[in-house]
N, C-alpha and C. Protein backbone atom coordinates (compact mmCIF):
# COMPACT_ATOMS: atom_id res chain seq x y z
N MET A 1 151.68 -6.88 249.88
CA MET A 1 153.08 -6.25 250.47
C MET A 1 153.49 -7.18 251.62
N PRO A 2 154.72 -7.75 251.53
CA PRO A 2 155.32 -8.47 252.57
C PRO A 2 155.14 -7.75 253.90
N GLN A 3 155.05 -8.54 254.93
CA GLN A 3 155.00 -7.99 256.40
C GLN A 3 155.97 -7.10 256.60
N ILE A 4 157.10 -7.28 256.29
CA ILE A 4 158.25 -6.35 256.78
C ILE A 4 158.29 -5.11 256.14
N ALA A 5 157.72 -5.02 254.89
CA ALA A 5 157.58 -3.79 254.16
C ALA A 5 156.50 -2.90 254.78
N GLN A 6 155.35 -3.74 255.16
CA GLN A 6 154.16 -3.26 255.86
C GLN A 6 154.65 -2.44 257.10
N GLU A 7 155.46 -3.19 257.79
CA GLU A 7 155.85 -2.76 259.10
C GLU A 7 156.80 -1.32 258.80
N VAL A 8 157.52 -1.31 257.85
CA VAL A 8 158.25 -0.10 257.76
C VAL A 8 157.44 1.01 257.19
N LYS A 9 156.48 0.63 256.22
CA LYS A 9 155.55 1.76 255.91
C LYS A 9 154.81 2.46 257.02
N GLY A 10 154.52 1.64 258.13
CA GLY A 10 153.96 2.32 258.95
C GLY A 10 154.65 3.27 259.99
N MET A 11 156.00 3.22 259.56
CA MET A 11 156.93 3.93 260.43
C MET A 11 157.20 5.29 259.52
N ILE A 12 156.66 5.39 258.38
CA ILE A 12 156.97 6.85 257.60
C ILE A 12 155.76 7.77 257.66
N ARG A 13 156.23 8.92 257.97
CA ARG A 13 155.27 9.75 258.45
C ARG A 13 154.96 10.79 257.15
N ASP A 14 153.73 11.00 256.80
CA ASP A 14 153.43 11.94 255.83
C ASP A 14 153.33 13.14 256.34
N VAL A 15 153.87 14.24 255.51
CA VAL A 15 153.88 15.73 255.71
C VAL A 15 153.32 16.40 254.74
N VAL A 16 152.08 16.86 255.05
CA VAL A 16 151.19 17.60 254.21
C VAL A 16 151.70 18.94 253.70
N ASP A 17 151.52 19.24 252.46
CA ASP A 17 151.86 20.62 251.91
C ASP A 17 153.50 21.03 252.21
N PHE A 18 154.36 19.80 252.20
CA PHE A 18 155.88 19.99 252.07
C PHE A 18 156.55 19.47 250.85
N PRO A 19 157.44 20.14 250.31
CA PRO A 19 157.91 21.48 250.40
C PRO A 19 157.22 22.66 249.95
N LYS A 20 155.90 22.30 249.24
CA LYS A 20 155.16 23.25 248.63
C LYS A 20 153.54 22.80 248.72
N PRO A 21 152.53 23.57 248.77
CA PRO A 21 151.20 23.33 248.89
C PRO A 21 150.95 22.08 247.69
N GLY A 22 150.12 21.20 248.15
CA GLY A 22 149.64 20.00 247.22
C GLY A 22 150.59 18.83 247.32
N ILE A 23 151.75 19.01 247.95
CA ILE A 23 152.66 17.72 248.05
C ILE A 23 152.40 17.23 249.42
N VAL A 24 152.33 15.75 249.41
CA VAL A 24 152.46 14.96 250.66
C VAL A 24 153.74 14.22 250.64
N PHE A 25 154.63 14.90 251.41
CA PHE A 25 156.02 14.59 251.56
C PHE A 25 156.20 13.16 252.49
N LYS A 26 156.83 12.22 251.99
CA LYS A 26 157.08 10.83 252.63
C LYS A 26 158.34 11.01 253.57
N ASP A 27 158.17 11.36 254.93
CA ASP A 27 159.32 11.76 255.82
C ASP A 27 159.81 10.33 256.40
N ILE A 28 161.14 10.03 255.94
CA ILE A 28 161.77 8.71 256.62
C ILE A 28 162.39 8.91 257.87
N THR A 29 162.46 10.30 258.40
CA THR A 29 163.22 10.35 259.66
C THR A 29 162.41 9.72 260.66
N THR A 30 161.22 9.45 260.83
CA THR A 30 160.55 8.69 261.82
C THR A 30 161.02 7.41 261.80
N ALA A 31 161.15 6.71 260.44
CA ALA A 31 161.68 5.38 260.47
C ALA A 31 163.17 5.32 260.64
N LEU A 32 163.89 6.25 260.49
CA LEU A 32 165.30 6.11 260.64
C LEU A 32 165.72 6.12 262.13
N LYS A 33 164.81 6.98 262.83
CA LYS A 33 165.27 6.95 264.29
C LYS A 33 165.05 5.71 264.97
N ASP A 34 163.96 4.88 264.46
CA ASP A 34 163.79 3.60 265.21
C ASP A 34 164.80 2.51 264.65
N SER A 35 165.65 2.10 265.45
CA SER A 35 166.75 0.98 265.06
C SER A 35 166.30 -0.16 264.42
N ASP A 36 165.23 -0.69 264.85
CA ASP A 36 164.71 -1.88 264.18
C ASP A 36 164.13 -1.59 262.91
N THR A 37 163.44 -0.67 262.63
CA THR A 37 163.03 -0.08 261.28
C THR A 37 164.13 0.27 260.36
N LEU A 38 165.19 0.89 260.83
CA LEU A 38 166.37 1.27 260.03
C LEU A 38 167.16 -0.13 259.66
N LYS A 39 167.13 -1.06 260.43
CA LYS A 39 167.79 -2.35 260.09
C LYS A 39 167.02 -3.02 259.16
N LYS A 40 165.84 -3.08 259.01
CA LYS A 40 164.83 -3.68 258.16
C LYS A 40 165.00 -2.99 256.80
N MET A 41 165.14 -1.85 256.85
CA MET A 41 165.33 -1.04 255.40
C MET A 41 166.76 -1.35 254.90
N VAL A 42 167.83 -1.27 255.71
CA VAL A 42 168.94 -1.56 255.17
C VAL A 42 169.19 -3.13 254.86
N ASP A 43 168.63 -4.07 255.58
CA ASP A 43 168.57 -5.38 255.15
C ASP A 43 168.09 -5.79 254.09
N PHE A 44 166.82 -5.13 253.67
CA PHE A 44 165.97 -5.40 252.45
C PHE A 44 166.88 -5.02 251.34
N LEU A 45 167.57 -3.69 251.17
CA LEU A 45 168.42 -3.26 250.29
C LEU A 45 169.64 -4.39 249.89
N CYS A 46 170.27 -4.84 251.07
CA CYS A 46 171.35 -5.87 251.18
C CYS A 46 170.87 -7.21 250.45
N ASP A 47 169.94 -7.53 251.13
CA ASP A 47 169.56 -9.04 250.86
C ASP A 47 169.23 -9.19 249.32
N ASN A 48 168.58 -8.30 248.80
CA ASN A 48 168.16 -8.29 247.30
C ASN A 48 169.46 -8.19 246.46
N PHE A 49 170.64 -7.97 246.76
CA PHE A 49 171.80 -7.65 245.93
C PHE A 49 173.11 -8.48 246.43
N ARG A 50 172.77 -9.36 247.43
CA ARG A 50 173.85 -9.97 248.09
C ARG A 50 174.67 -10.76 247.30
N GLU A 51 174.13 -11.61 246.19
CA GLU A 51 174.92 -12.51 245.47
C GLU A 51 175.30 -11.61 244.18
N GLU A 52 175.35 -10.40 243.97
CA GLU A 52 175.74 -9.86 242.91
C GLU A 52 177.27 -9.45 242.67
N LYS A 53 178.10 -9.73 243.64
CA LYS A 53 179.50 -9.24 243.50
C LYS A 53 179.66 -7.76 243.16
N ILE A 54 179.08 -6.91 244.08
CA ILE A 54 179.24 -5.44 243.78
C ILE A 54 180.38 -4.89 244.12
N ASP A 55 181.04 -4.02 243.59
CA ASP A 55 182.36 -3.39 243.70
C ASP A 55 182.04 -2.10 244.56
N TYR A 56 181.00 -1.34 244.20
CA TYR A 56 180.76 -0.02 244.65
C TYR A 56 179.32 0.17 244.84
N ILE A 57 178.97 0.98 245.87
CA ILE A 57 177.66 1.38 246.12
C ILE A 57 177.87 2.82 245.80
N ILE A 58 176.86 3.46 245.13
CA ILE A 58 176.87 4.95 244.71
C ILE A 58 175.67 5.31 245.50
N GLY A 59 175.91 6.36 246.48
CA GLY A 59 174.87 6.94 247.29
C GLY A 59 174.66 8.41 246.66
N LEU A 60 173.29 8.85 246.52
CA LEU A 60 172.87 9.94 245.85
C LEU A 60 172.62 11.20 246.98
N GLU A 61 173.16 12.30 246.81
CA GLU A 61 173.05 13.42 248.04
C GLU A 61 171.51 13.42 248.19
N SER A 62 171.12 13.58 249.35
CA SER A 62 171.92 13.18 250.58
C SER A 62 171.49 12.30 251.34
N ARG A 63 170.04 11.78 251.03
CA ARG A 63 169.52 10.62 251.70
C ARG A 63 170.11 9.37 251.27
N GLY A 64 170.59 9.27 250.31
CA GLY A 64 171.18 8.16 249.58
C GLY A 64 172.34 7.64 250.42
N PHE A 65 173.25 8.82 251.05
CA PHE A 65 174.35 8.49 251.84
C PHE A 65 173.93 7.65 253.15
N ILE A 66 172.71 7.95 253.63
CA ILE A 66 172.24 7.28 254.80
C ILE A 66 172.18 5.88 254.71
N PHE A 67 171.73 5.33 253.59
CA PHE A 67 171.43 4.00 253.15
C PHE A 67 172.62 3.48 252.38
N GLY A 68 173.38 4.08 251.78
CA GLY A 68 174.58 3.61 250.93
C GLY A 68 175.79 3.21 251.69
N VAL A 69 176.13 3.81 252.59
CA VAL A 69 177.43 3.47 253.58
C VAL A 69 176.81 2.10 254.29
N PRO A 70 175.76 1.94 255.03
CA PRO A 70 175.61 0.58 255.61
C PRO A 70 175.50 -0.46 254.64
N VAL A 71 174.84 -0.20 253.44
CA VAL A 71 174.72 -1.29 252.52
C VAL A 71 176.24 -1.62 251.96
N ALA A 72 176.85 -0.47 251.75
CA ALA A 72 178.20 -0.93 251.10
C ALA A 72 178.96 -1.77 252.28
N TYR A 73 178.94 -1.39 253.56
CA TYR A 73 179.63 -2.15 254.60
C TYR A 73 179.04 -3.67 254.65
N ASN A 74 177.74 -3.86 254.73
CA ASN A 74 177.13 -5.01 254.65
C ASN A 74 177.37 -6.02 253.39
N LEU A 75 177.81 -5.35 252.35
CA LEU A 75 178.04 -6.31 251.05
C LEU A 75 179.52 -6.37 250.77
N GLY A 76 180.32 -5.86 251.63
CA GLY A 76 181.78 -5.72 251.40
C GLY A 76 182.08 -4.87 250.25
N ALA A 77 181.44 -3.58 249.95
CA ALA A 77 181.78 -2.84 248.80
C ALA A 77 182.25 -1.59 249.13
N GLY A 78 182.89 -0.80 248.37
CA GLY A 78 183.25 0.58 248.66
C GLY A 78 182.03 1.51 248.50
N PHE A 79 182.02 2.50 248.94
CA PHE A 79 180.93 3.58 248.85
C PHE A 79 181.44 4.89 248.06
N VAL A 80 180.72 5.24 247.15
CA VAL A 80 180.97 6.38 246.35
C VAL A 80 179.94 7.33 246.40
N PRO A 81 180.04 8.74 246.71
CA PRO A 81 179.15 9.55 246.90
C PRO A 81 178.93 10.33 245.45
N ILE A 82 177.69 10.68 245.01
CA ILE A 82 177.35 11.37 244.15
C ILE A 82 176.89 12.75 244.51
N ARG A 83 177.27 13.81 244.32
CA ARG A 83 176.87 15.14 245.09
C ARG A 83 176.50 16.20 244.10
N LYS A 84 175.84 17.24 244.65
CA LYS A 84 175.60 18.51 243.75
C LYS A 84 176.84 19.15 243.54
N PRO A 85 176.97 20.07 242.55
CA PRO A 85 178.20 20.73 242.02
C PRO A 85 178.84 21.33 243.17
N ASN A 86 180.27 21.44 243.14
CA ASN A 86 181.28 22.07 243.95
C ASN A 86 181.28 21.42 245.22
N LYS A 87 180.96 20.13 245.54
CA LYS A 87 181.21 19.53 246.95
C LYS A 87 182.24 18.60 246.95
N LEU A 88 182.58 18.15 245.97
CA LEU A 88 183.72 17.09 245.87
C LEU A 88 185.03 17.83 245.64
N PRO A 89 186.13 17.28 246.21
CA PRO A 89 187.37 18.04 246.13
C PRO A 89 188.25 17.82 245.04
N ALA A 90 188.16 16.82 244.45
CA ALA A 90 189.07 16.53 243.32
C ALA A 90 188.31 16.50 241.91
N LYS A 91 189.06 16.29 240.98
CA LYS A 91 188.43 16.46 239.57
C LYS A 91 187.23 15.62 239.32
N THR A 92 186.14 16.26 238.77
CA THR A 92 184.79 15.40 238.78
C THR A 92 184.35 15.23 237.28
N ILE A 93 183.43 14.43 236.95
CA ILE A 93 182.67 14.50 235.84
C ILE A 93 181.20 14.89 236.29
N SER A 94 180.51 15.35 235.38
CA SER A 94 179.21 15.82 235.74
C SER A 94 178.01 15.55 234.85
N GLU A 95 176.76 15.69 235.24
CA GLU A 95 175.73 15.24 234.36
C GLU A 95 174.57 16.17 234.82
N SER A 96 174.00 16.90 233.95
CA SER A 96 172.78 17.70 234.03
C SER A 96 171.64 16.97 233.79
N TYR A 97 170.48 17.34 234.44
CA TYR A 97 169.30 16.75 234.35
C TYR A 97 168.00 17.74 234.50
N GLU A 98 166.99 17.35 233.94
CA GLU A 98 165.77 18.36 234.04
C GLU A 98 164.90 18.30 235.32
N LEU A 99 164.56 19.54 235.70
CA LEU A 99 163.63 19.41 236.87
C LEU A 99 162.25 19.84 236.44
N GLU A 100 161.40 20.03 237.29
CA GLU A 100 159.98 20.45 236.99
C GLU A 100 160.34 21.96 236.26
N TYR A 101 161.03 22.82 236.91
CA TYR A 101 161.36 24.20 236.41
C TYR A 101 162.91 24.40 236.40
N GLY A 102 163.44 24.00 235.29
CA GLY A 102 164.92 24.21 235.05
C GLY A 102 165.76 23.07 235.19
N THR A 103 166.95 23.12 235.47
CA THR A 103 167.86 22.05 235.57
C THR A 103 168.65 22.01 236.71
N ASP A 104 169.36 20.76 236.93
CA ASP A 104 170.36 20.57 238.22
C ASP A 104 171.29 19.76 237.48
N THR A 105 172.49 19.73 238.24
CA THR A 105 173.54 18.84 238.15
C THR A 105 174.06 18.01 238.99
N LEU A 106 174.63 16.79 238.93
CA LEU A 106 175.31 16.01 239.75
C LEU A 106 176.73 15.86 239.28
N GLU A 107 177.44 15.50 240.43
CA GLU A 107 179.14 15.28 240.05
C GLU A 107 179.40 14.00 240.72
N MET A 108 180.54 13.50 240.21
CA MET A 108 181.11 12.16 240.85
C MET A 108 182.75 12.51 240.54
N HIS A 109 183.46 11.98 241.48
CA HIS A 109 185.10 12.07 241.18
C HIS A 109 185.21 11.28 239.83
N GLU A 110 186.04 11.88 239.15
CA GLU A 110 186.44 11.12 237.92
C GLU A 110 186.93 9.89 238.00
N ASP A 111 187.74 9.54 239.08
CA ASP A 111 188.44 8.46 239.51
C ASP A 111 187.51 7.44 240.28
N ALA A 112 186.26 7.77 240.48
CA ALA A 112 185.54 7.07 241.42
C ALA A 112 185.26 5.63 241.13
N VAL A 113 184.83 5.31 239.79
CA VAL A 113 184.68 4.12 239.31
C VAL A 113 185.45 3.87 237.89
N LYS A 114 185.55 2.72 237.30
CA LYS A 114 186.23 2.48 236.10
C LYS A 114 185.48 1.36 235.35
N ALA A 115 186.14 1.15 234.28
CA ALA A 115 185.44 0.14 233.56
C ALA A 115 185.80 -1.34 234.30
N GLY A 116 184.65 -2.21 234.02
CA GLY A 116 184.65 -3.35 234.83
C GLY A 116 184.11 -3.36 236.13
N ASP A 117 183.94 -2.29 236.87
CA ASP A 117 183.53 -2.10 238.08
C ASP A 117 181.90 -2.33 238.13
N ARG A 118 181.27 -3.11 239.10
CA ARG A 118 180.04 -3.45 239.24
C ARG A 118 179.53 -2.55 240.31
N VAL A 119 178.52 -1.79 239.89
CA VAL A 119 178.01 -0.65 240.74
C VAL A 119 176.34 -0.85 241.12
N LEU A 120 176.05 -0.66 242.28
CA LEU A 120 174.56 -0.54 242.67
C LEU A 120 174.38 1.00 243.28
N ILE A 121 173.30 1.37 242.79
CA ILE A 121 172.99 2.91 242.92
C ILE A 121 171.90 2.89 244.06
N VAL A 122 171.91 3.63 245.18
CA VAL A 122 171.11 3.54 246.32
C VAL A 122 170.79 4.81 246.58
N ASP A 123 169.27 5.07 246.75
CA ASP A 123 168.78 6.27 247.22
C ASP A 123 167.57 6.05 248.04
N ASP A 124 167.14 7.02 248.98
CA ASP A 124 165.99 6.86 249.66
C ASP A 124 164.61 6.81 248.73
N LEU A 125 164.73 7.48 247.66
CA LEU A 125 163.21 7.62 247.09
C LEU A 125 163.44 7.95 245.55
N LEU A 126 162.62 7.21 244.68
CA LEU A 126 162.62 7.24 243.27
C LEU A 126 161.10 8.05 243.22
N ALA A 127 161.36 9.33 242.60
CA ALA A 127 160.22 10.02 242.30
C ALA A 127 160.16 10.21 240.85
N THR A 128 160.47 11.41 240.08
CA THR A 128 160.53 11.61 238.85
C THR A 128 161.60 10.94 238.14
N GLY A 129 162.80 10.58 238.76
CA GLY A 129 163.80 9.73 238.16
C GLY A 129 164.80 10.48 237.55
N GLY A 130 164.75 11.70 237.61
CA GLY A 130 165.87 12.85 237.20
C GLY A 130 167.15 12.45 237.87
N THR A 131 167.12 12.53 239.27
CA THR A 131 168.44 12.33 239.85
C THR A 131 168.97 10.92 239.65
N ALA A 132 168.30 9.79 239.63
CA ALA A 132 168.80 8.52 239.29
C ALA A 132 169.21 8.28 238.08
N ALA A 133 168.45 9.00 237.12
CA ALA A 133 169.03 8.70 235.70
C ALA A 133 170.27 9.50 235.56
N ALA A 134 170.42 10.63 235.97
CA ALA A 134 171.71 11.33 236.04
C ALA A 134 172.91 10.54 236.65
N ALA A 135 172.62 9.89 237.79
CA ALA A 135 173.58 9.08 238.31
C ALA A 135 174.07 7.93 237.47
N CYS A 136 173.06 7.37 236.93
CA CYS A 136 173.21 6.13 235.95
C CYS A 136 174.09 6.59 234.83
N ASN A 137 173.82 7.78 234.28
CA ASN A 137 174.69 8.34 233.09
C ASN A 137 176.00 8.60 233.55
N LEU A 138 176.15 9.19 234.87
CA LEU A 138 177.64 9.22 235.23
C LEU A 138 178.35 8.09 235.45
N VAL A 139 177.66 6.92 235.97
CA VAL A 139 178.39 5.59 235.94
C VAL A 139 178.65 5.06 234.76
N THR A 140 177.80 5.25 233.81
CA THR A 140 177.91 4.88 232.38
C THR A 140 179.19 5.59 231.72
N LYS A 141 179.17 6.83 231.89
CA LYS A 141 180.24 7.52 231.33
C LYS A 141 181.77 7.24 231.90
N ALA A 142 181.66 6.61 233.15
CA ALA A 142 183.04 6.27 233.67
C ALA A 142 183.30 4.85 233.13
N GLY A 143 182.42 4.04 232.52
CA GLY A 143 182.78 2.80 232.05
C GLY A 143 182.31 1.71 232.88
N ALA A 144 181.64 1.86 234.00
CA ALA A 144 181.39 0.98 235.00
C ALA A 144 180.03 0.28 234.64
N GLU A 145 179.67 -0.80 235.19
CA GLU A 145 178.23 -1.58 234.85
C GLU A 145 177.52 -1.44 236.08
N ILE A 146 176.28 -0.91 235.65
CA ILE A 146 175.10 -0.65 236.66
C ILE A 146 174.38 -2.05 236.84
N VAL A 147 174.65 -2.62 238.18
CA VAL A 147 174.00 -3.84 238.35
C VAL A 147 172.55 -3.48 238.71
N GLY A 148 172.23 -2.27 239.38
CA GLY A 148 170.83 -1.93 239.77
C GLY A 148 170.66 -0.66 240.34
N CYS A 149 169.60 -0.34 240.67
CA CYS A 149 169.24 0.66 241.38
C CYS A 149 168.06 0.32 242.51
N ALA A 150 168.51 0.75 243.65
CA ALA A 150 167.62 0.49 244.84
C ALA A 150 167.11 1.41 245.61
N PHE A 151 165.85 1.58 246.10
CA PHE A 151 165.32 2.52 246.75
C PHE A 151 164.49 1.95 247.87
N VAL A 152 164.31 2.95 248.84
CA VAL A 152 163.47 2.36 249.82
C VAL A 152 161.79 2.80 249.54
N ILE A 153 161.77 3.97 248.86
CA ILE A 153 160.31 4.33 248.43
C ILE A 153 160.30 4.66 247.03
N GLU A 154 159.18 4.35 246.46
CA GLU A 154 159.02 4.66 244.81
C GLU A 154 157.59 5.17 244.85
N LEU A 155 157.55 6.35 244.13
CA LEU A 155 156.38 7.15 243.91
C LEU A 155 155.91 6.81 242.56
N ASN A 156 154.96 5.59 242.34
CA ASN A 156 154.70 5.13 241.34
C ASN A 156 154.06 6.12 240.13
N ASP A 157 153.15 7.12 240.43
CA ASP A 157 152.58 8.05 239.88
C ASP A 157 153.42 9.04 239.01
N LEU A 158 154.59 9.15 239.66
CA LEU A 158 155.65 9.79 238.85
C LEU A 158 156.51 9.28 237.78
N LYS A 159 156.47 7.96 237.80
CA LYS A 159 157.01 7.13 236.54
C LYS A 159 158.48 7.44 236.38
N GLY A 160 159.12 7.44 237.88
CA GLY A 160 160.54 7.61 237.53
C GLY A 160 161.29 6.49 236.92
N ARG A 161 160.85 5.19 237.15
CA ARG A 161 161.66 4.27 236.59
C ARG A 161 161.64 4.22 235.12
N ASP A 162 160.64 4.91 234.48
CA ASP A 162 160.91 5.09 232.98
C ASP A 162 162.08 5.72 232.43
N LYS A 163 162.73 6.48 233.26
CA LYS A 163 163.92 7.25 233.14
C LYS A 163 164.96 6.47 233.17
N LEU A 164 165.06 5.49 233.93
CA LEU A 164 166.25 4.81 234.10
C LEU A 164 166.51 3.87 232.90
N PRO A 165 167.82 3.30 232.94
CA PRO A 165 168.19 2.48 231.75
C PRO A 165 167.47 1.37 231.36
N LYS A 166 167.16 0.97 230.15
CA LYS A 166 166.20 -0.12 229.86
C LYS A 166 167.22 -1.38 230.43
N GLY A 167 166.41 -2.33 231.02
CA GLY A 167 167.12 -3.46 231.52
C GLY A 167 167.76 -3.38 232.98
N CYS A 168 167.76 -2.23 233.47
CA CYS A 168 168.38 -1.87 234.82
C CYS A 168 167.37 -2.65 235.67
N ARG A 169 167.89 -3.46 236.61
CA ARG A 169 167.16 -3.93 237.59
C ARG A 169 166.80 -2.78 238.72
N ILE A 170 165.55 -2.64 239.05
CA ILE A 170 165.13 -1.56 239.87
C ILE A 170 164.36 -2.24 241.10
N LEU A 171 164.65 -1.97 242.28
CA LEU A 171 164.14 -2.50 243.28
C LEU A 171 163.70 -1.43 244.32
N SER A 172 162.38 -1.46 244.76
CA SER A 172 161.88 -0.58 245.76
C SER A 172 161.03 -1.42 246.96
N MET A 173 161.37 -0.94 248.10
CA MET A 173 160.93 -1.62 249.15
C MET A 173 159.48 -1.17 249.29
N LEU A 174 158.97 -0.04 249.35
CA LEU A 174 157.73 0.63 249.38
C LEU A 174 157.29 1.20 247.94
N GLU A 175 156.14 1.11 247.78
CA GLU A 175 155.55 1.91 246.56
C GLU A 175 154.41 2.46 247.03
N TYR A 176 154.07 3.74 246.50
CA TYR A 176 153.10 4.67 246.79
C TYR A 176 152.45 5.10 245.52
């Protein structure tokens, strides 16, 4: 693991039994409050896509917003939020996805991206892949091209990357 990733990993706190017993939650708030660590995370996401001519960064609710906006700023791209239902004010398109027990839905403004736009999807964590896959489906429905999906953390045992589109470039700074 590169030195910079090791430094960031050391700033992430484990919270045992959150949000339910048996889960070890990877808490990024300890990393976010340290300006040097925050810069390292954002720089990592930017540096790996700097040459891709990205039009829009898509941030997934809610921690994807934390990383998505500074990545968009640094890459000279626009920012598009993907949110839970009934949070966006204009006409939306939606995509439902499976959870462990039930389903959930994500929405994006209908006019957020269009055919020919190059999009990078950003979130803090790739776990089971349901949220990221739903975001990819929304972008594809709108006709835009997915350049890649970028995460600070990936939980490998949950095999979330298997749900993402074949051939999609997937980048994770830290893997657990």
